[in-house]
Amino acid sequence: MKTLLAIACVIAGSLFLACKKKNSDAPVERNYTPAVTAKGVAKGPAAEKVIGAAGGELQSADGALTIKVPPGAVNSDVVFSIQPISNTFDTNNIAYRLTPEGTNFSKPIAVVFSLY
């Protein structure tokens, strides 16, 4: 009888340890390979605005995209633009070219898409 009780305790302990909850807050690393497509061609006028150290916003001509630059993200006046371009990946949707390209900002900027 003591042997059966010992075996039951070992099995119960093993099941308890096997059912341990995983940490769902741990970051998940994914390795994505971006699709490389040809650059799109301009499809209408670009919206442009000079935004300085005080911050500001720029909205695309169709109102679908907004660049939000917080105060302190740039140290001097910078020309931002949103150019609608042909979408070479999904021809049913518009794409945008955002500038300035390659700029390192002191604070994160936001790119907001409006769904309509």
PDB file of N, CA and C in Angstrom:
ATOM      1  N   MET A   1       0.818  -1.186   0.000  1.00  0.00           N
ATOM      2  CA  MET A   1       0.000   0.000   0.000  1.00  0.00           C
ATOM      3  C   MET A   1       0.873   1.265   0.000  1.00  0.00           C
ATOM      4  N   LYS A   2       1.955   1.278   0.775  1.00  0.00           N
ATOM      5  CA  LYS A   2       2.857   2.421   0.811  1.00  0.00           C
ATOM      6  C   LYS A   2       3.505   2.636  -0.549  1.00  0.00           C
ATOM      7  N   THR A   3       3.778   1.565  -1.267  1.00  0.00           N
ATOM      8  CA  THR A   3       4.381   1.668  -2.593  1.00  0.00           C
ATOM      9  C   THR A   3       3.414   2.339  -3.562  1.00  0.00           C
ATOM     10  N   LEU A   4       2.137   1.952  -3.514  1.00  0.00           N
ATOM     11  CA  LEU A   4       1.138   2.563  -4.387  1.00  0.00           C
ATOM     12  C   LEU A   4       0.970   4.041  -4.066  1.00  0.00           C
ATOM     13  N   LEU A   5       1.000   4.388  -2.788  1.00  0.00           N
ATOM     14  CA  LEU A   5       0.878   5.788  -2.385  1.00  0.00           C
ATOM     15  C   LEU A   5       2.081   6.592  -2.881  1.00  0.00           C
ATOM     16  N   ALA A   6       3.266   6.033  -2.803  1.00  0.00           N
ATOM     17  CA  ALA A   6       4.474   6.712  -3.275  1.00  0.00           C
ATOM     18  C   ALA A   6       4.414   6.922  -4.778  1.00  0.00           C
ATOM     19  N   ILE A   7       3.964   5.897  -5.513  1.00  0.00           N
ATOM     20  CA  ILE A   7       3.850   6.011  -6.967  1.00  0.00           C
ATOM     21  C   ILE A   7       2.814   7.082  -7.329  1.00  0.00           C
ATOM     22  N   ALA A   8       1.689   7.100  -6.624  1.00  0.00           N
ATOM     23  CA  ALA A   8       0.647   8.086  -6.876  1.00  0.00           C
ATOM     24  C   ALA A   8       1.169   9.500  -6.625  1.00  0.00           C
ATOM     25  N   CYS A   9       1.963   9.682  -5.574  1.00  0.00           N
ATOM     26  CA  CYS A   9       2.533  11.000  -5.271  1.00  0.00           C
ATOM     27  C   CYS A   9       3.510  11.438  -6.359  1.00  0.00           C
ATOM     28  N   VAL A  10       4.306  10.515  -6.857  1.00  0.00           N
ATOM     29  CA  VAL A  10       5.262  10.843  -7.925  1.00  0.00           C
ATOM     30  C   VAL A  10       4.512  11.239  -9.192  1.00  0.00           C
ATOM     31  N   ILE A  11       3.468  10.481  -9.534  1.00  0.00           N
ATOM     32  CA  ILE A  11       2.686  10.794 -10.736  1.00  0.00           C
ATOM     33  C   ILE A  11       1.987  12.144 -10.571  1.00  0.00           C
ATOM     34  N   ALA A  12       1.399  12.404  -9.425  1.00  0.00           N
ATOM     35  CA  ALA A  12       0.706  13.671  -9.180  1.00  0.00           C
ATOM     36  C   ALA A  12       1.694  14.835  -9.247  1.00  0.00           C
ATOM     37  N   GLY A  13       2.865  14.663  -8.662  1.00  0.00           N
ATOM     38  CA  GLY A  13       3.887  15.708  -8.706  1.00  0.00           C
ATOM     39  C   GLY A  13       4.352  15.981 -10.126  1.00  0.00           C
ATOM     40  N   SER A  14       4.522  14.934 -10.914  1.00  0.00           N
ATOM     41  CA  SER A  14       4.945  15.081 -12.307  1.00  0.00           C
ATOM     42  C   SER A  14       3.886  15.829 -13.117  1.00  0.00           C
ATOM     43  N   LEU A  15       2.630  15.469 -12.893  1.00  0.00           N
ATOM     44  CA  LEU A  15       1.555  16.157 -13.605  1.00  0.00           C
ATOM     45  C   LEU A  15       1.479  17.629 -13.207  1.00  0.00           C
ATOM     46  N   PHE A  16       1.677  17.914 -11.943  1.00  0.00           N
ATOM     47  CA  PHE A  16       1.655  19.287 -11.455  1.00  0.00           C
ATOM     48  C   PHE A  16       2.747  20.112 -12.130  1.00  0.00           C
ATOM     49  N   LEU A  17       3.952  19.560 -12.209  1.00  0.00           N
ATOM     50  CA  LEU A  17       5.060  20.284 -12.822  1.00  0.00           C
ATOM     51  C   LEU A  17       4.872  20.426 -14.335  1.00  0.00           C
ATOM     52  N   ALA A  18       4.260  19.434 -14.964  1.00  0.00           N
ATOM     53  CA  ALA A  18       4.043  19.477 -16.409  1.00  0.00           C
ATOM     54  C   ALA A  18       2.993  20.517 -16.780  1.00  0.00           C
ATOM     55  N   CYS A  19       2.108  20.859 -15.882  1.00  0.00           N
ATOM     56  CA  CYS A  19       1.030  21.807 -16.161  1.00  0.00           C
ATOM     57  C   CYS A  19       1.383  23.238 -15.773  1.00  0.00           C
ATOM     58  N   LYS A  20       2.641  23.509 -15.536  1.00  0.00           N
ATOM     59  CA  LYS A  20       3.070  24.834 -15.132  1.00  0.00           C
ATOM     60  C   LYS A  20       2.719  25.849 -16.226  1.00  0.00           C
ATOM     61  N   LYS A  21       2.130  26.973 -15.825  1.00  0.00           N
ATOM     62  CA  LYS A  21       1.719  28.023 -16.759  1.00  0.00           C
ATOM     63  C   LYS A  21       2.951  28.723 -17.324  1.00  0.00           C
ATOM     64  N   LYS A  22       2.931  28.939 -18.638  1.00  0.00           N
ATOM     65  CA  LYS A  22       4.026  29.645 -19.287  1.00  0.00           C
ATOM     66  C   LYS A  22       3.848  31.141 -19.084  1.00  0.00           C
ATOM     67  N   ASN A  23       4.957  31.873 -19.108  1.00  0.00           N
ATOM     68  CA  ASN A  23       4.937  33.323 -18.958  1.00  0.00           C
ATOM     69  C   ASN A  23       4.466  33.944 -20.268  1.00  0.00           C
ATOM     70  N   SER A  24       3.240  34.473 -20.272  1.00  0.00           N
ATOM     71  CA  SER A  24       2.678  35.051 -21.497  1.00  0.00           C
ATOM     72  C   SER A  24       3.184  36.467 -21.746  1.00  0.00           C
ATOM     73  N   ASP A  25       3.898  37.050 -20.781  1.00  0.00           N
ATOM     74  CA  ASP A  25       4.420  38.398 -20.950  1.00  0.00           C
ATOM     75  C   ASP A  25       5.777  38.417 -21.646  1.00  0.00           C
ATOM     76  N   ALA A  26       6.358  37.249 -21.856  1.00  0.00           N
ATOM     77  CA  ALA A  26       7.668  37.183 -22.491  1.00  0.00           C
ATOM     78  C   ALA A  26       7.548  37.613 -23.958  1.00  0.00           C
ATOM     79  N   PRO A  27       8.480  38.414 -24.448  1.00  0.00           N
ATOM     80  CA  PRO A  27       8.408  38.840 -25.847  1.00  0.00           C
ATOM     81  C   PRO A  27       8.581  37.654 -26.791  1.00  0.00           C
ATOM     82  N   VAL A  28       7.878  37.725 -27.894  1.00  0.00           N
ATOM     83  CA  VAL A  28       7.961  36.679 -28.909  1.00  0.00           C
ATOM     84  C   VAL A  28       8.808  37.210 -30.049  1.00  0.00           C
ATOM     85  N   GLU A  29       9.876  36.499 -30.355  1.00  0.00           N
ATOM     86  CA  GLU A  29      10.731  36.923 -31.455  1.00  0.00           C
ATOM     87  C   GLU A  29      10.275  36.240 -32.734  1.00  0.00           C
ATOM     88  N   ARG A  30      10.126  37.040 -33.766  1.00  0.00           N
ATOM     89  CA  ARG A  30       9.740  36.510 -35.072  1.00  0.00           C
ATOM     90  C   ARG A  30      10.732  37.023 -36.100  1.00  0.00           C
ATOM     91  N   ASN A  31      11.087  36.180 -36.992  1.00  0.00           N
ATOM     92  CA  ASN A  31      11.990  36.575 -38.067  1.00  0.00           C
ATOM     93  C   ASN A  31      11.196  36.656 -39.358  1.00  0.00           C
ATOM     94  N   TYR A  32      10.882  37.881 -39.766  1.00  0.00           N
ATOM     95  CA  TYR A  32      10.142  38.099 -40.993  1.00  0.00           C
ATOM     96  C   TYR A  32      11.107  38.556 -42.076  1.00  0.00           C
ATOM     97  N   THR A  33      10.848  38.126 -43.263  1.00  0.00           N
ATOM     98  CA  THR A  33      11.595  38.602 -44.411  1.00  0.00           C
ATOM     99  C   THR A  33      10.681  39.549 -45.172  1.00  0.00           C
ATOM    100  N   PRO A  34      11.030  40.839 -45.218  1.00  0.00           N
ATOM    101  CA  PRO A  34      10.143  41.783 -45.896  1.00  0.00           C
ATOM    102  C   PRO A  34      10.110  41.523 -47.396  1.00  0.00           C
ATOM    103  N   ALA A  35       8.956  41.805 -47.991  1.00  0.00           N
ATOM    104  CA  ALA A  35       8.829  41.692 -49.443  1.00  0.00           C
ATOM    105  C   ALA A  35       9.503  42.898 -50.075  1.00  0.00           C
ATOM    106  N   VAL A  36      10.321  42.663 -51.055  1.00  0.00           N
ATOM    107  CA  VAL A  36      11.002  43.739 -51.761  1.00  0.00           C
ATOM    108  C   VAL A  36      10.312  43.908 -53.106  1.00  0.00           C
ATOM    109  N   THR A  37       9.788  45.118 -53.340  1.00  0.00           N
ATOM    110  CA  THR A  37       9.096  45.408 -54.591  1.00  0.00           C
ATOM    111  C   THR A  37       9.705  46.656 -55.216  1.00  0.00           C
ATOM    112  N   ALA A  38       9.346  46.900 -56.450  1.00  0.00           N
ATOM    113  CA  ALA A  38       9.819  48.107 -57.133  1.00  0.00           C
ATOM    114  C   ALA A  38       9.223  49.339 -56.459  1.00  0.00           C
ATOM    115  N   LYS A  39       9.907  50.470 -56.560  1.00  0.00           N
ATOM    116  CA  LYS A  39       9.378  51.713 -56.010  1.00  0.00           C
ATOM    117  C   LYS A  39       8.184  52.171 -56.823  1.00  0.00           C
ATOM    118  N   GLY A  40       7.171  52.673 -56.119  1.00  0.00           N
ATOM    119  CA  GLY A  40       5.984  53.179 -56.795  1.00  0.00           C
ATOM    120  C   GLY A  40       6.234  54.520 -57.448  1.00  0.00           C
ATOM    121  N   VAL A  41       5.361  54.868 -58.370  1.00  0.00           N
ATOM    122  CA  VAL A  41       5.459  56.163 -59.042  1.00  0.00           C
ATOM    123  C   VAL A  41       4.410  57.110 -58.454  1.00  0.00           C
ATOM    124  N   ALA A  42       4.700  58.393 -58.503  1.00  0.00           N
ATOM    125  CA  ALA A  42       3.818  59.405 -57.919  1.00  0.00           C
ATOM    126  C   ALA A  42       2.425  59.332 -58.527  1.00  0.00           C
ATOM    127  N   LYS A  43       1.423  59.463 -57.645  1.00  0.00           N
ATOM    128  CA  LYS A  43       0.016  59.435 -58.054  1.00  0.00           C
ATOM    129  C   LYS A  43      -0.696  60.644 -57.471  1.00  0.00           C
ATOM    130  N   GLY A  44      -0.286  61.820 -57.853  1.00  0.00           N
ATOM    131  CA  GLY A  44      -0.893  63.030 -57.331  1.00  0.00           C
ATOM    132  C   GLY A  44       0.117  63.875 -56.582  1.00  0.00           C
ATOM    133  N   PRO A  45      -0.310  65.061 -56.154  1.00  0.00           N
ATOM    134  CA  PRO A  45       0.615  65.976 -55.480  1.00  0.00           C
ATOM    135  C   PRO A  45       0.962  65.513 -54.063  1.00  0.00           C
ATOM    136  N   ALA A  46       2.177  65.844 -53.660  1.00  0.00           N
ATOM    137  CA  ALA A  46       2.621  65.534 -52.296  1.00  0.00           C
ATOM    138  C   ALA A  46       2.143  66.624 -51.349  1.00  0.00           C
ATOM    139  N   ALA A  47       1.786  66.220 -50.139  1.00  0.00           N
ATOM    140  CA  ALA A  47       1.511  67.181 -49.066  1.00  0.00           C
ATOM    141  C   ALA A  47       2.847  67.442 -48.378  1.00  0.00           C
ATOM    142  N   GLU A  48       3.207  68.698 -48.194  1.00  0.00           N
ATOM    143  CA  GLU A  48       4.482  69.055 -47.570  1.00  0.00           C
ATOM    144  C   GLU A  48       4.259  70.077 -46.466  1.00  0.00           C
ATOM    145  N   LYS A  49       5.124  69.993 -45.455  1.00  0.00           N
ATOM    146  CA  LYS A  49       5.055  70.964 -44.368  1.00  0.00           C
ATOM    147  C   LYS A  49       6.412  71.015 -43.673  1.00  0.00           C
ATOM    148  N   VAL A  50       6.834  72.216 -43.311  1.00  0.00           N
ATOM    149  CA  VAL A  50       8.047  72.386 -42.515  1.00  0.00           C
ATOM    150  C   VAL A  50       7.641  72.264 -41.057  1.00  0.00           C
ATOM    151  N   ILE A  51       8.271  71.325 -40.362  1.00  0.00           N
ATOM    152  CA  ILE A  51       7.997  71.111 -38.928  1.00  0.00           C
ATOM    153  C   ILE A  51       9.304  71.303 -38.185  1.00  0.00           C
ATOM    154  N   GLY A  52       9.260  72.112 -37.138  1.00  0.00           N
ATOM    155  CA  GLY A  52      10.458  72.416 -36.365  1.00  0.00           C
ATOM    156  C   GLY A  52      10.430  71.783 -34.984  1.00  0.00           C
ATOM    157  N   ALA A  53      11.252  72.316 -34.106  1.00  0.00           N
ATOM    158  CA  ALA A  53      11.425  71.770 -32.759  1.00  0.00           C
ATOM    159  C   ALA A  53      10.141  71.799 -31.937  1.00  0.00           C
ATOM    160  N   ALA A  54       9.204  72.678 -32.259  1.00  0.00           N
ATOM    161  CA  ALA A  54       7.935  72.757 -31.526  1.00  0.00           C
ATOM    162  C   ALA A  54       6.992  71.596 -31.868  1.00  0.00           C
ATOM    163  N   GLY A  55       7.302  70.858 -32.939  1.00  0.00           N
ATOM    164  CA  GLY A  55       6.457  69.738 -33.348  1.00  0.00           C
ATOM    165  C   GLY A  55       5.335  70.186 -34.261  1.00  0.00           C
ATOM    166  N   GLY A  56       4.555  69.225 -34.710  1.00  0.00           N
ATOM    167  CA  GLY A  56       3.440  69.542 -35.588  1.00  0.00           C
ATOM    168  C   GLY A  56       2.904  68.289 -36.248  1.00  0.00           C
ATOM    169  N   GLU A  57       1.951  68.489 -37.156  1.00  0.00           N
ATOM    170  CA  GLU A  57       1.317  67.380 -37.866  1.00  0.00           C
ATOM    171  C   GLU A  57       1.243  67.688 -39.350  1.00  0.00           C
ATOM    172  N   LEU A  58       1.256  66.640 -40.136  1.00  0.00           N
ATOM    173  CA  LEU A  58       1.063  66.743 -41.577  1.00  0.00           C
ATOM    174  C   LEU A  58       0.104  65.642 -41.990  1.00  0.00           C
ATOM    175  N   GLN A  59      -0.921  66.021 -42.771  1.00  0.00           N
ATOM    176  CA  GLN A  59      -1.917  65.057 -43.227  1.00  0.00           C
ATOM    177  C   GLN A  59      -1.845  64.933 -44.743  1.00  0.00           C
ATOM    178  N   SER A  60      -2.043  63.705 -45.235  1.00  0.00           N
ATOM    179  CA  SER A  60      -2.062  63.481 -46.681  1.00  0.00           C
ATOM    180  C   SER A  60      -3.262  64.197 -47.297  1.00  0.00           C
ATOM    181  N   ALA A  61      -3.196  64.470 -48.591  1.00  0.00           N
ATOM    182  CA  ALA A  61      -4.265  65.198 -49.280  1.00  0.00           C
ATOM    183  C   ALA A  61      -5.601  64.475 -49.184  1.00  0.00           C
ATOM    184  N   ASP A  62      -5.589  63.139 -49.123  1.00  0.00           N
ATOM    185  CA  ASP A  62      -6.845  62.377 -49.028  1.00  0.00           C
ATOM    186  C   ASP A  62      -7.301  62.178 -47.584  1.00  0.00           C
ATOM    187  N   GLY A  63      -6.520  62.658 -46.619  1.00  0.00           N
ATOM    188  CA  GLY A  63      -6.885  62.543 -45.207  1.00  0.00           C
ATOM    189  C   GLY A  63      -6.694  61.158 -44.612  1.00  0.00           C
ATOM    190  N   ALA A  64      -6.116  60.244 -45.362  1.00  0.00           N
ATOM    191  CA  ALA A  64      -5.977  58.871 -44.889  1.00  0.00           C
ATOM    192  C   ALA A  64      -4.768  58.652 -43.996  1.00  0.00           C
ATOM    193  N   LEU A  65      -3.784  59.536 -44.051  1.00  0.00           N
ATOM    194  CA  LEU A  65      -2.549  59.317 -43.308  1.00  0.00           C
ATOM    195  C   LEU A  65      -2.109  60.621 -42.666  1.00  0.00           C
ATOM    196  N   THR A  66      -1.664  60.536 -41.420  1.00  0.00           N
ATOM    197  CA  THR A  66      -1.170  61.708 -40.696  1.00  0.00           C
ATOM    198  C   THR A  66       0.170  61.371 -40.052  1.00  0.00           C
ATOM    199  N   ILE A  67       1.121  62.268 -40.188  1.00  0.00           N
ATOM    200  CA  ILE A  67       2.401  62.168 -39.477  1.00  0.00           C
ATOM    201  C   ILE A  67       2.321  63.118 -38.298  1.00  0.00           C
ATOM    202  N   LYS A  68       2.531  62.594 -37.086  1.00  0.00           N
ATOM    203  CA  LYS A  68       2.505  63.418 -35.874  1.00  0.00           C
ATOM    204  C   LYS A  68       3.919  63.487 -35.301  1.00  0.00           C
ATOM    205  N   VAL A  69       4.441  64.706 -35.245  1.00  0.00           N
ATOM    206  CA  VAL A  69       5.804  64.939 -34.772  1.00  0.00           C
ATOM    207  C   VAL A  69       5.714  65.651 -33.424  1.00  0.00           C
ATOM    208  N   PRO A  70       6.151  64.997 -32.333  1.00  0.00           N
ATOM    209  CA  PRO A  70       6.061  65.647 -31.023  1.00  0.00           C
ATOM    210  C   PRO A  70       7.141  66.712 -30.853  1.00  0.00           C
ATOM    211  N   PRO A  71       6.931  67.646 -29.928  1.00  0.00           N
ATOM    212  CA  PRO A  71       7.970  68.640 -29.638  1.00  0.00           C
ATOM    213  C   PRO A  71       9.289  67.945 -29.278  1.00  0.00           C
ATOM    214  N   GLY A  72      10.371  68.451 -29.843  1.00  0.00           N
ATOM    215  CA  GLY A  72      11.692  67.911 -29.541  1.00  0.00           C
ATOM    216  C   GLY A  72      12.111  66.733 -30.398  1.00  0.00           C
ATOM    217  N   ALA A  73      11.260  66.279 -31.308  1.00  0.00           N
ATOM    218  CA  ALA A  73      11.632  65.143 -32.165  1.00  0.00           C
ATOM    219  C   ALA A  73      12.694  65.551 -33.184  1.00  0.00           C
ATOM    220  N   VAL A  74      12.632  66.818 -33.618  1.00  0.00           N
ATOM    221  CA  VAL A  74      13.670  67.381 -34.492  1.00  0.00           C
ATOM    222  C   VAL A  74      14.197  68.645 -33.828  1.00  0.00           C
ATOM    223  N   ASN A  75      15.456  68.971 -34.109  1.00  0.00           N
ATOM    224  CA  ASN A  75      16.087  70.134 -33.472  1.00  0.00           C
ATOM    225  C   ASN A  75      15.970  71.406 -34.292  1.00  0.00           C
ATOM    226  N   SER A  76      15.675  71.255 -35.589  1.00  0.00           N
ATOM    227  CA  SER A  76      15.566  72.418 -36.470  1.00  0.00           C
ATOM    228  C   SER A  76      14.444  72.166 -37.465  1.00  0.00           C
ATOM    229  N   ASP A  77      14.190  73.133 -38.337  1.00  0.00           N
ATOM    230  CA  ASP A  77      13.135  72.983 -39.331  1.00  0.00           C
ATOM    231  C   ASP A  77      13.465  71.845 -40.304  1.00  0.00           C
ATOM    232  N   VAL A  78      12.495  70.967 -40.510  1.00  0.00           N
ATOM    233  CA  VAL A  78      12.652  69.822 -41.413  1.00  0.00           C
ATOM    234  C   VAL A  78      11.419  69.771 -42.307  1.00  0.00           C
ATOM    235  N   VAL A  79      11.623  69.544 -43.598  1.00  0.00           N
ATOM    236  CA  VAL A  79      10.509  69.409 -44.534  1.00  0.00           C
ATOM    237  C   VAL A  79      10.020  67.962 -44.496  1.00  0.00           C
ATOM    238  N   PHE A  80       8.757  67.783 -44.099  1.00  0.00           N
ATOM    239  CA  PHE A  80       8.110  66.475 -44.107  1.00  0.00           C
ATOM    240  C   PHE A  80       7.190  66.425 -45.321  1.00  0.00           C
ATOM    241  N   SER A  81       7.044  65.243 -45.922  1.00  0.00           N
ATOM    242  CA  SER A  81       6.104  65.124 -47.034  1.00  0.00           C
ATOM    243  C   SER A  81       5.461  63.744 -47.047  1.00  0.00           C
ATOM    244  N   ILE A  82       4.258  63.721 -47.610  1.00  0.00           N
ATOM    245  CA  ILE A  82       3.510  62.483 -47.824  1.00  0.00           C
ATOM    246  C   ILE A  82       3.126  62.471 -49.299  1.00  0.00           C
ATOM    247  N   GLN A  83       3.714  61.548 -50.035  1.00  0.00           N
ATOM    248  CA  GLN A  83       3.481  61.456 -51.478  1.00  0.00           C
ATOM    249  C   GLN A  83       2.680  60.204 -51.793  1.00  0.00           C
ATOM    250  N   PRO A  84       1.459  60.328 -52.348  1.00  0.00           N
ATOM    251  CA  PRO A  84       0.751  59.126 -52.768  1.00  0.00           C
ATOM    252  C   PRO A  84       1.481  58.522 -53.970  1.00  0.00           C
ATOM    253  N   ILE A  85       1.678  57.214 -53.937  1.00  0.00           N
ATOM    254  CA  ILE A  85       2.390  56.515 -55.013  1.00  0.00           C
ATOM    255  C   ILE A  85       1.626  55.255 -55.399  1.00  0.00           C
ATOM    256  N   SER A  86       1.973  54.711 -56.543  1.00  0.00           N
ATOM    257  CA  SER A  86       1.378  53.444 -56.956  1.00  0.00           C
ATOM    258  C   SER A  86       1.872  52.347 -56.021  1.00  0.00           C
ATOM    259  N   ASN A  87       1.004  51.419 -55.712  1.00  0.00           N
ATOM    260  CA  ASN A  87       1.341  50.315 -54.822  1.00  0.00           C
ATOM    261  C   ASN A  87       1.789  49.137 -55.683  1.00  0.00           C
ATOM    262  N   THR A  88       3.055  48.804 -55.653  1.00  0.00           N
ATOM    263  CA  THR A  88       3.579  47.733 -56.494  1.00  0.00           C
ATOM    264  C   THR A  88       3.449  46.367 -55.841  1.00  0.00           C
ATOM    265  N   PHE A  89       2.926  46.312 -54.632  1.00  0.00           N
ATOM    266  CA  PHE A  89       2.714  45.038 -53.938  1.00  0.00           C
ATOM    267  C   PHE A  89       1.253  44.622 -54.027  1.00  0.00           C
ATOM    268  N   ASP A  90       0.344  45.556 -53.800  1.00  0.00           N
ATOM    269  CA  ASP A  90      -1.093  45.290 -53.816  1.00  0.00           C
ATOM    270  C   ASP A  90      -1.746  46.381 -54.665  1.00  0.00           C
ATOM    271  N   THR A  91      -2.037  46.069 -55.912  1.00  0.00           N
ATOM    272  CA  THR A  91      -2.506  47.091 -56.846  1.00  0.00           C
ATOM    273  C   THR A  91      -3.896  47.619 -56.523  1.00  0.00           C
ATOM    274  N   ASN A  92      -4.606  47.021 -55.562  1.00  0.00           N
ATOM    275  CA  ASN A  92      -5.940  47.498 -55.187  1.00  0.00           C
ATOM    276  C   ASN A  92      -5.899  48.624 -54.163  1.00  0.00           C
ATOM    277  N   ASN A  93      -4.756  48.929 -53.629  1.00  0.00           N
ATOM    278  CA  ASN A  93      -4.635  49.946 -52.579  1.00  0.00           C
ATOM    279  C   ASN A  93      -3.569  50.964 -52.924  1.00  0.00           C
ATOM    280  N   ILE A  94      -3.719  52.150 -52.347  1.00  0.00           N
ATOM    281  CA  ILE A  94      -2.747  53.226 -52.536  1.00  0.00           C
ATOM    282  C   ILE A  94      -1.593  52.997 -51.560  1.00  0.00           C
ATOM    283  N   ALA A  95      -0.464  53.559 -51.877  1.00  0.00           N
ATOM    284  CA  ALA A  95       0.704  53.528 -50.991  1.00  0.00           C
ATOM    285  C   ALA A  95       1.196  54.962 -50.844  1.00  0.00           C
ATOM    286  N   TYR A  96       2.084  55.179 -49.899  1.00  0.00           N
ATOM    287  CA  TYR A  96       2.601  56.523 -49.647  1.00  0.00           C
ATOM    288  C   TYR A  96       4.108  56.459 -49.460  1.00  0.00           C
ATOM    289  N   ARG A  97       4.783  57.488 -49.951  1.00  0.00           N
ATOM    290  CA  ARG A  97       6.209  57.663 -49.674  1.00  0.00           C
ATOM    291  C   ARG A  97       6.307  58.796 -48.663  1.00  0.00           C
ATOM    292  N   LEU A  98       6.957  58.525 -47.538  1.00  0.00           N
ATOM    293  CA  LEU A  98       7.094  59.513 -46.465  1.00  0.00           C
ATOM    294  C   LEU A  98       8.524  60.025 -46.439  1.00  0.00           C
ATOM    295  N   THR A  99       8.675  61.333 -46.297  1.00  0.00           N
ATOM    296  CA  THR A  99      10.008  61.893 -46.141  1.00  0.00           C
ATOM    297  C   THR A  99      10.001  62.831 -44.943  1.00  0.00           C
ATOM    298  N   PRO A 100      11.129  63.031 -44.322  1.00  0.00           N
ATOM    299  CA  PRO A 100      12.488  62.809 -44.789  1.00  0.00           C
ATOM    300  C   PRO A 100      12.936  61.363 -44.546  1.00  0.00           C
ATOM    301  N   GLU A 101      13.510  60.754 -45.560  1.00  0.00           N
ATOM    302  CA  GLU A 101      14.012  59.384 -45.431  1.00  0.00           C
ATOM    303  C   GLU A 101      15.329  59.391 -44.670  1.00  0.00           C
ATOM    304  N   GLY A 102      15.532  58.359 -43.872  1.00  0.00           N
ATOM    305  CA  GLY A 102      16.804  58.173 -43.180  1.00  0.00           C
ATOM    306  C   GLY A 102      17.065  59.117 -42.027  1.00  0.00           C
ATOM    307  N   THR A 103      16.068  59.845 -41.581  1.00  0.00           N
ATOM    308  CA  THR A 103      16.246  60.788 -40.475  1.00  0.00           C
ATOM    309  C   THR A 103      16.119  60.061 -39.141  1.00  0.00           C
ATOM    310  N   ASN A 104      17.032  60.355 -38.236  1.00  0.00           N
ATOM    311  CA  ASN A 104      16.935  59.847 -36.867  1.00  0.00           C
ATOM    312  C   ASN A 104      16.282  60.925 -36.017  1.00  0.00           C
ATOM    313  N   PHE A 105      15.154  60.577 -35.410  1.00  0.00           N
ATOM    314  CA  PHE A 105      14.409  61.532 -34.596  1.00  0.00           C
ATOM    315  C   PHE A 105      14.804  61.392 -33.133  1.00  0.00           C
ATOM    316  N   SER A 106      14.795  62.511 -32.414  1.00  0.00           N
ATOM    317  CA  SER A 106      15.137  62.502 -30.987  1.00  0.00           C
ATOM    318  C   SER A 106      14.042  61.859 -30.147  1.00  0.00           C
ATOM    319  N   LYS A 107      12.809  61.901 -30.643  1.00  0.00           N
ATOM    320  CA  LYS A 107      11.661  61.270 -29.991  1.00  0.00           C
ATOM    321  C   LYS A 107      10.879  60.528 -31.063  1.00  0.00           C
ATOM    322  N   PRO A 108      10.154  59.478 -30.686  1.00  0.00           N
ATOM    323  CA  PRO A 108       9.358  58.747 -31.689  1.00  0.00           C
ATOM    324  C   PRO A 108       8.282  59.623 -32.299  1.00  0.00           C
ATOM    325  N   ILE A 109       8.119  59.512 -33.604  1.00  0.00           N
ATOM    326  CA  ILE A 109       7.007  60.172 -34.281  1.00  0.00           C
ATOM    327  C   ILE A 109       5.926  59.118 -34.510  1.00  0.00           C
ATOM    328  N   ALA A 110       4.724  59.558 -34.826  1.00  0.00           N
ATOM    329  CA  ALA A 110       3.612  58.620 -35.064  1.00  0.00           C
ATOM    330  C   ALA A 110       3.134  58.760 -36.499  1.00  0.00           C
ATOM    331  N   VAL A 111       2.841  57.631 -37.109  1.00  0.00           N
ATOM    332  CA  VAL A 111       2.213  57.595 -38.426  1.00  0.00           C
ATOM    333  C   VAL A 111       0.857  56.954 -38.218  1.00  0.00           C
ATOM    334  N   VAL A 112      -0.209  57.712 -38.467  1.00  0.00           N
ATOM    335  CA  VAL A 112      -1.564  57.268 -38.153  1.00  0.00           C
ATOM    336  C   VAL A 112      -2.355  57.106 -39.448  1.00  0.00           C
ATOM    337  N   PHE A 113      -2.936  55.916 -39.642  1.00  0.00           N
ATOM    338  CA  PHE A 113      -3.799  55.655 -40.786  1.00  0.00           C
ATOM    339  C   PHE A 113      -5.248  55.766 -40.347  1.00  0.00           C
ATOM    340  N   SER A 114      -6.041  56.469 -41.127  1.00  0.00           N
ATOM    341  CA  SER A 114      -7.471  56.577 -40.855  1.00  0.00           C
ATOM    342  C   SER A 114      -8.210  55.617 -41.764  1.00  0.00           C
ATOM    343  N   LEU A 115      -8.996  54.748 -41.177  1.00  0.00           N
ATOM    344  CA  LEU A 115      -9.774  53.801 -41.963  1.00  0.00           C
ATOM    345  C   LEU A 115     -11.116  54.421 -42.303  1.00  0.00           C
ATOM    346  N   TYR A 116     -11.478  54.346 -43.536  1.00  0.00           N
ATOM    347  CA  TYR A 116     -12.766  54.891 -43.950  1.00  0.00           C
ATOM    348  C   TYR A 116     -13.340  54.027 -45.034  1.00  0.00           C
TER     349      TYR A 116
END
